[in-house]
Amino acid sequence: MLSGETLPSFDGIGSVLFHMATARAFDPSAMREDGFYLGATEGQHVWLIYKPDLDWLKSPEAALTLKRAKEFAATDPEARHLVFAPARYVSQKMLAEQNIPVEFVPLPFALYRIDRS
């Protein structure tokens, strides 16, 4: 998947992250790339804020924000929502204080780091 030549596709990295987070098989038919949705399992939805574009991944658009967290949670307010993203602009404390059942998980930095050597 990671050859160093290009970034992995949404479904490529999404399937690995979904399996790592849930210990369940990834169902590509549940995925909605344009909505950053990977799928659900047992009361938990898994999201991936990702595009295979290095500049986009380093931009503010790729971060989990309060607005985006609320949007994700609104899709199923009773469930937990696990969100993989390269950055966040909202603290876990704020999400908890506002009763937004979203948990941030950082994307592996090695995917989009800047090589300074």
N, C-alpha and C. Protein backbone atom coordinates (compact mmCIF):
# COMPACT_ATOMS: atom_id res chain seq x y z
N MET A 1 0.83 -1.19 0.00
CA MET A 1 0.00 0.00 0.00
C MET A 1 0.87 1.25 0.00
N LEU A 2 1.87 1.31 0.88
CA LEU A 2 2.72 2.49 0.94
C LEU A 2 4.06 2.19 0.29
N SER A 3 4.23 2.71 -0.89
CA SER A 3 5.47 2.47 -1.63
C SER A 3 6.40 3.66 -1.55
N GLY A 4 5.89 4.80 -1.09
CA GLY A 4 6.69 6.01 -1.06
C GLY A 4 6.54 6.83 -2.32
N GLU A 5 5.92 6.26 -3.34
CA GLU A 5 5.74 6.95 -4.61
C GLU A 5 4.51 7.86 -4.59
N THR A 6 3.41 7.34 -4.09
CA THR A 6 2.15 8.08 -4.07
C THR A 6 1.42 7.80 -2.77
N LEU A 7 0.42 8.61 -2.50
CA LEU A 7 -0.43 8.37 -1.33
C LEU A 7 -1.44 7.28 -1.66
N PRO A 8 -1.84 6.51 -0.65
CA PRO A 8 -2.83 5.46 -0.91
C PRO A 8 -4.20 6.05 -1.23
N SER A 9 -5.01 5.27 -1.91
CA SER A 9 -6.37 5.70 -2.23
C SER A 9 -7.20 5.75 -0.95
N PHE A 10 -8.35 6.41 -1.03
CA PHE A 10 -9.25 6.51 0.12
C PHE A 10 -9.66 5.13 0.60
N ASP A 11 -10.11 4.29 -0.33
CA ASP A 11 -10.56 2.96 0.09
C ASP A 11 -9.40 2.07 0.51
N GLY A 12 -8.22 2.30 -0.05
CA GLY A 12 -7.05 1.52 0.34
C GLY A 12 -6.66 1.74 1.78
N ILE A 13 -6.48 3.00 2.15
CA ILE A 13 -6.12 3.29 3.54
C ILE A 13 -7.33 3.12 4.45
N GLY A 14 -8.51 3.43 3.92
CA GLY A 14 -9.73 3.30 4.72
C GLY A 14 -9.99 1.88 5.17
N SER A 15 -9.75 0.92 4.29
CA SER A 15 -10.00 -0.47 4.65
C SER A 15 -9.07 -0.92 5.78
N VAL A 16 -7.83 -0.49 5.73
CA VAL A 16 -6.87 -0.85 6.78
C VAL A 16 -7.24 -0.19 8.10
N LEU A 17 -7.55 1.10 8.07
CA LEU A 17 -7.90 1.81 9.30
C LEU A 17 -9.20 1.28 9.90
N PHE A 18 -10.18 0.98 9.05
CA PHE A 18 -11.44 0.44 9.54
C PHE A 18 -11.20 -0.88 10.27
N HIS A 19 -10.42 -1.74 9.65
CA HIS A 19 -10.13 -3.04 10.28
C HIS A 19 -9.35 -2.87 11.58
N MET A 20 -8.37 -1.97 11.59
CA MET A 20 -7.59 -1.74 12.80
C MET A 20 -8.47 -1.20 13.93
N ALA A 21 -9.42 -0.34 13.61
CA ALA A 21 -10.25 0.29 14.63
C ALA A 21 -11.37 -0.62 15.14
N THR A 22 -11.83 -1.52 14.29
CA THR A 22 -13.01 -2.30 14.66
C THR A 22 -12.78 -3.80 14.75
N ALA A 23 -11.67 -4.28 14.23
CA ALA A 23 -11.39 -5.72 14.13
C ALA A 23 -12.46 -6.42 13.29
N ARG A 24 -13.06 -5.69 12.38
CA ARG A 24 -14.08 -6.22 11.47
C ARG A 24 -13.62 -6.02 10.03
N ALA A 25 -14.18 -6.80 9.15
CA ALA A 25 -13.88 -6.65 7.73
C ALA A 25 -14.52 -5.37 7.20
N PHE A 26 -13.82 -4.72 6.32
CA PHE A 26 -14.30 -3.49 5.68
C PHE A 26 -15.27 -3.85 4.56
N ASP A 27 -16.40 -3.17 4.52
CA ASP A 27 -17.40 -3.37 3.47
C ASP A 27 -17.37 -2.16 2.54
N PRO A 28 -16.74 -2.28 1.38
CA PRO A 28 -16.62 -1.13 0.47
C PRO A 28 -17.96 -0.56 0.02
N SER A 29 -19.01 -1.36 0.05
CA SER A 29 -20.32 -0.86 -0.40
C SER A 29 -20.90 0.16 0.58
N ALA A 30 -20.45 0.16 1.83
CA ALA A 30 -20.93 1.13 2.82
C ALA A 30 -20.18 2.46 2.74
N MET A 31 -19.04 2.45 2.10
CA MET A 31 -18.16 3.62 2.04
C MET A 31 -18.78 4.73 1.19
N ARG A 32 -18.61 5.98 1.68
CA ARG A 32 -18.99 7.17 0.91
C ARG A 32 -17.80 8.13 0.95
N GLU A 33 -16.96 8.02 -0.05
CA GLU A 33 -15.73 8.80 -0.07
C GLU A 33 -16.00 10.30 -0.03
N ASP A 34 -17.01 10.77 -0.77
CA ASP A 34 -17.29 12.21 -0.80
C ASP A 34 -17.77 12.73 0.56
N GLY A 35 -18.27 11.86 1.42
CA GLY A 35 -18.70 12.26 2.76
C GLY A 35 -17.73 11.81 3.85
N PHE A 36 -16.59 11.26 3.45
CA PHE A 36 -15.54 10.79 4.36
C PHE A 36 -15.99 9.63 5.25
N TYR A 37 -16.97 8.87 4.80
CA TYR A 37 -17.54 7.79 5.61
C TYR A 37 -16.96 6.44 5.22
N LEU A 38 -16.52 5.67 6.21
CA LEU A 38 -15.99 4.33 5.95
C LEU A 38 -17.01 3.24 6.20
N GLY A 39 -17.77 3.36 7.28
CA GLY A 39 -18.75 2.33 7.59
C GLY A 39 -19.08 2.31 9.07
N ALA A 40 -19.85 1.29 9.46
CA ALA A 40 -20.30 1.19 10.85
C ALA A 40 -20.19 -0.25 11.33
N THR A 41 -20.09 -0.37 12.63
CA THR A 41 -20.11 -1.67 13.26
C THR A 41 -20.53 -1.50 14.72
N GLU A 42 -21.50 -2.27 15.13
CA GLU A 42 -21.92 -2.35 16.54
C GLU A 42 -21.97 -1.00 17.25
N GLY A 43 -22.78 -0.09 16.76
CA GLY A 43 -22.98 1.18 17.44
C GLY A 43 -21.87 2.19 17.27
N GLN A 44 -21.01 1.97 16.30
CA GLN A 44 -19.90 2.90 16.06
C GLN A 44 -19.75 3.15 14.57
N HIS A 45 -19.66 4.42 14.21
CA HIS A 45 -19.40 4.80 12.82
C HIS A 45 -17.94 5.20 12.70
N VAL A 46 -17.35 4.91 11.57
CA VAL A 46 -15.94 5.23 11.34
C VAL A 46 -15.83 6.15 10.13
N TRP A 47 -15.13 7.25 10.33
CA TRP A 47 -14.96 8.28 9.32
C TRP A 47 -13.48 8.48 9.04
N LEU A 48 -13.17 8.94 7.84
CA LEU A 48 -11.79 9.21 7.44
C LEU A 48 -11.76 10.50 6.65
N ILE A 49 -11.23 11.55 7.26
CA ILE A 49 -11.08 12.83 6.55
C ILE A 49 -9.76 12.73 5.79
N TYR A 50 -9.88 12.43 4.50
CA TYR A 50 -8.69 12.10 3.71
C TYR A 50 -8.97 12.25 2.23
N LYS A 51 -7.99 12.78 1.54
CA LYS A 51 -7.93 12.75 0.08
C LYS A 51 -6.48 12.46 -0.27
N PRO A 52 -6.23 11.67 -1.29
CA PRO A 52 -4.84 11.33 -1.63
C PRO A 52 -4.13 12.50 -2.32
N ASP A 53 -4.06 13.61 -1.62
CA ASP A 53 -3.48 14.84 -2.14
C ASP A 53 -2.69 15.48 -1.00
N LEU A 54 -1.39 15.52 -1.13
CA LEU A 54 -0.52 15.99 -0.05
C LEU A 54 -0.84 17.42 0.37
N ASP A 55 -1.05 18.30 -0.58
CA ASP A 55 -1.37 19.69 -0.23
C ASP A 55 -2.69 19.78 0.53
N TRP A 56 -3.67 19.01 0.09
CA TRP A 56 -4.97 19.01 0.78
C TRP A 56 -4.82 18.48 2.21
N LEU A 57 -4.04 17.43 2.38
CA LEU A 57 -3.85 16.84 3.71
C LEU A 57 -3.18 17.81 4.68
N LYS A 58 -2.40 18.73 4.16
CA LYS A 58 -1.73 19.71 5.02
C LYS A 58 -2.56 20.98 5.18
N SER A 59 -3.72 21.04 4.56
CA SER A 59 -4.56 22.23 4.61
C SER A 59 -5.56 22.16 5.77
N PRO A 60 -6.11 23.30 6.15
CA PRO A 60 -7.14 23.31 7.21
C PRO A 60 -8.39 22.51 6.85
N GLU A 61 -8.64 22.32 5.57
CA GLU A 61 -9.81 21.55 5.14
C GLU A 61 -9.76 20.09 5.60
N ALA A 62 -8.57 19.59 5.87
CA ALA A 62 -8.41 18.19 6.25
C ALA A 62 -8.56 17.95 7.75
N ALA A 63 -8.80 18.99 8.50
CA ALA A 63 -8.88 18.87 9.96
C ALA A 63 -10.30 18.57 10.44
N LEU A 64 -10.37 17.88 11.56
CA LEU A 64 -11.65 17.70 12.25
C LEU A 64 -11.96 19.00 12.97
N THR A 65 -13.09 19.58 12.65
CA THR A 65 -13.54 20.82 13.29
C THR A 65 -14.80 20.54 14.10
N LEU A 66 -15.18 21.49 14.91
CA LEU A 66 -16.41 21.34 15.69
C LEU A 66 -17.61 21.18 14.75
N LYS A 67 -17.64 21.98 13.70
CA LYS A 67 -18.75 21.89 12.74
C LYS A 67 -18.82 20.51 12.11
N ARG A 68 -17.68 20.01 11.66
CA ARG A 68 -17.67 18.69 11.02
C ARG A 68 -18.01 17.59 12.02
N ALA A 69 -17.53 17.71 13.25
CA ALA A 69 -17.86 16.71 14.28
C ALA A 69 -19.37 16.67 14.52
N LYS A 70 -19.99 17.84 14.58
CA LYS A 70 -21.44 17.90 14.76
C LYS A 70 -22.17 17.26 13.58
N GLU A 71 -21.67 17.50 12.37
CA GLU A 71 -22.28 16.91 11.18
C GLU A 71 -22.18 15.39 11.21
N PHE A 72 -21.02 14.88 11.56
CA PHE A 72 -20.85 13.43 11.64
C PHE A 72 -21.78 12.85 12.71
N ALA A 73 -21.80 13.45 13.88
CA ALA A 73 -22.62 12.95 14.99
C ALA A 73 -24.11 13.00 14.65
N ALA A 74 -24.52 13.99 13.89
CA ALA A 74 -25.94 14.15 13.54
C ALA A 74 -26.46 13.00 12.68
N THR A 75 -25.58 12.28 12.02
CA THR A 75 -26.02 11.17 11.18
C THR A 75 -26.58 10.02 12.02
N ASP A 76 -26.14 9.91 13.27
CA ASP A 76 -26.63 8.88 14.19
C ASP A 76 -26.26 9.33 15.60
N PRO A 77 -27.08 10.19 16.21
CA PRO A 77 -26.74 10.79 17.50
C PRO A 77 -26.53 9.81 18.66
N GLU A 78 -27.08 8.62 18.55
CA GLU A 78 -26.95 7.65 19.65
C GLU A 78 -25.68 6.82 19.56
N ALA A 79 -25.00 6.87 18.44
CA ALA A 79 -23.81 6.05 18.23
C ALA A 79 -22.53 6.83 18.49
N ARG A 80 -21.44 6.10 18.67
CA ARG A 80 -20.11 6.71 18.75
C ARG A 80 -19.60 6.90 17.33
N HIS A 81 -18.76 7.91 17.17
CA HIS A 81 -18.18 8.21 15.86
C HIS A 81 -16.67 8.35 16.03
N LEU A 82 -15.95 7.50 15.35
CA LEU A 82 -14.49 7.51 15.37
C LEU A 82 -14.03 8.20 14.09
N VAL A 83 -13.22 9.25 14.23
CA VAL A 83 -12.82 10.05 13.06
C VAL A 83 -11.30 10.05 12.93
N PHE A 84 -10.82 9.47 11.85
CA PHE A 84 -9.41 9.54 11.50
C PHE A 84 -9.21 10.81 10.67
N ALA A 85 -8.21 11.61 11.03
CA ALA A 85 -7.92 12.84 10.29
C ALA A 85 -6.47 13.24 10.56
N PRO A 86 -5.88 14.02 9.66
CA PRO A 86 -4.50 14.44 9.87
C PRO A 86 -4.35 15.49 10.97
N ALA A 87 -5.43 16.20 11.31
CA ALA A 87 -5.35 17.25 12.33
C ALA A 87 -6.74 17.49 12.89
N ARG A 88 -6.78 18.25 13.97
CA ARG A 88 -8.08 18.64 14.53
C ARG A 88 -7.98 20.06 15.06
N TYR A 89 -9.11 20.75 14.98
CA TYR A 89 -9.21 22.11 15.51
C TYR A 89 -10.26 22.17 16.61
N VAL A 90 -10.53 21.04 17.21
CA VAL A 90 -11.48 20.96 18.32
C VAL A 90 -10.93 19.94 19.32
N SER A 91 -10.99 20.29 20.59
CA SER A 91 -10.44 19.37 21.59
C SER A 91 -11.45 18.29 21.95
N GLN A 92 -10.92 17.19 22.44
CA GLN A 92 -11.79 16.11 22.90
C GLN A 92 -12.63 16.59 24.08
N LYS A 93 -12.05 17.48 24.88
CA LYS A 93 -12.78 18.04 26.03
C LYS A 93 -14.01 18.83 25.56
N MET A 94 -13.84 19.64 24.53
CA MET A 94 -14.97 20.42 24.01
C MET A 94 -16.05 19.51 23.45
N LEU A 95 -15.63 18.47 22.74
CA LEU A 95 -16.60 17.53 22.19
C LEU A 95 -17.40 16.87 23.32
N ALA A 96 -16.70 16.49 24.38
CA ALA A 96 -17.37 15.86 25.53
C ALA A 96 -18.31 16.84 26.23
N GLU A 97 -17.86 18.08 26.41
CA GLU A 97 -18.69 19.09 27.08
C GLU A 97 -19.98 19.37 26.32
N GLN A 98 -19.91 19.26 25.00
CA GLN A 98 -21.10 19.52 24.17
C GLN A 98 -21.86 18.23 23.84
N ASN A 99 -21.47 17.14 24.49
CA ASN A 99 -22.12 15.84 24.29
C ASN A 99 -22.14 15.41 22.82
N ILE A 100 -21.02 15.61 22.17
CA ILE A 100 -20.87 15.18 20.78
C ILE A 100 -20.06 13.88 20.82
N PRO A 101 -20.67 12.75 20.45
CA PRO A 101 -20.01 11.45 20.60
C PRO A 101 -18.99 11.15 19.49
N VAL A 102 -18.02 12.04 19.36
CA VAL A 102 -16.99 11.91 18.33
C VAL A 102 -15.63 11.80 19.00
N GLU A 103 -14.84 10.85 18.51
CA GLU A 103 -13.48 10.67 19.02
C GLU A 103 -12.50 10.83 17.86
N PHE A 104 -11.51 11.68 18.04
CA PHE A 104 -10.48 11.93 17.03
C PHE A 104 -9.36 10.91 17.14
N VAL A 105 -8.92 10.42 15.99
CA VAL A 105 -7.75 9.55 15.92
C VAL A 105 -6.84 10.12 14.83
N PRO A 106 -5.60 10.48 15.18
CA PRO A 106 -4.71 11.07 14.16
C PRO A 106 -4.31 10.06 13.09
N LEU A 107 -4.28 10.53 11.86
CA LEU A 107 -3.75 9.70 10.78
C LEU A 107 -2.26 9.49 11.01
N PRO A 108 -1.74 8.37 10.60
CA PRO A 108 -0.29 8.18 10.72
C PRO A 108 0.46 9.30 9.99
N PHE A 109 1.26 10.04 10.73
CA PHE A 109 1.96 11.20 10.20
C PHE A 109 2.88 10.84 9.04
N ALA A 110 3.38 9.63 9.03
CA ALA A 110 4.31 9.21 7.97
C ALA A 110 3.67 9.27 6.58
N LEU A 111 2.36 9.28 6.52
CA LEU A 111 1.69 9.34 5.22
C LEU A 111 1.91 10.66 4.50
N TYR A 112 1.98 11.74 5.26
CA TYR A 112 1.98 13.05 4.61
C TYR A 112 3.03 14.00 5.18
N ARG A 113 3.99 13.49 5.92
CA ARG A 113 5.01 14.35 6.50
C ARG A 113 5.86 14.99 5.40
N ILE A 114 6.48 16.06 5.75
CA ILE A 114 7.37 16.76 4.82
C ILE A 114 8.78 16.25 5.07
N ASP A 115 9.39 15.72 4.06
CA ASP A 115 10.76 15.23 4.19
C ASP A 115 11.70 16.42 4.12
N ARG A 116 12.40 16.68 5.19
CA ARG A 116 13.29 17.85 5.27
C ARG A 116 14.76 17.49 5.08
N SER A 117 15.03 16.28 4.65
CA SER A 117 16.43 15.88 4.50
C SER A 117 17.02 16.34 3.18
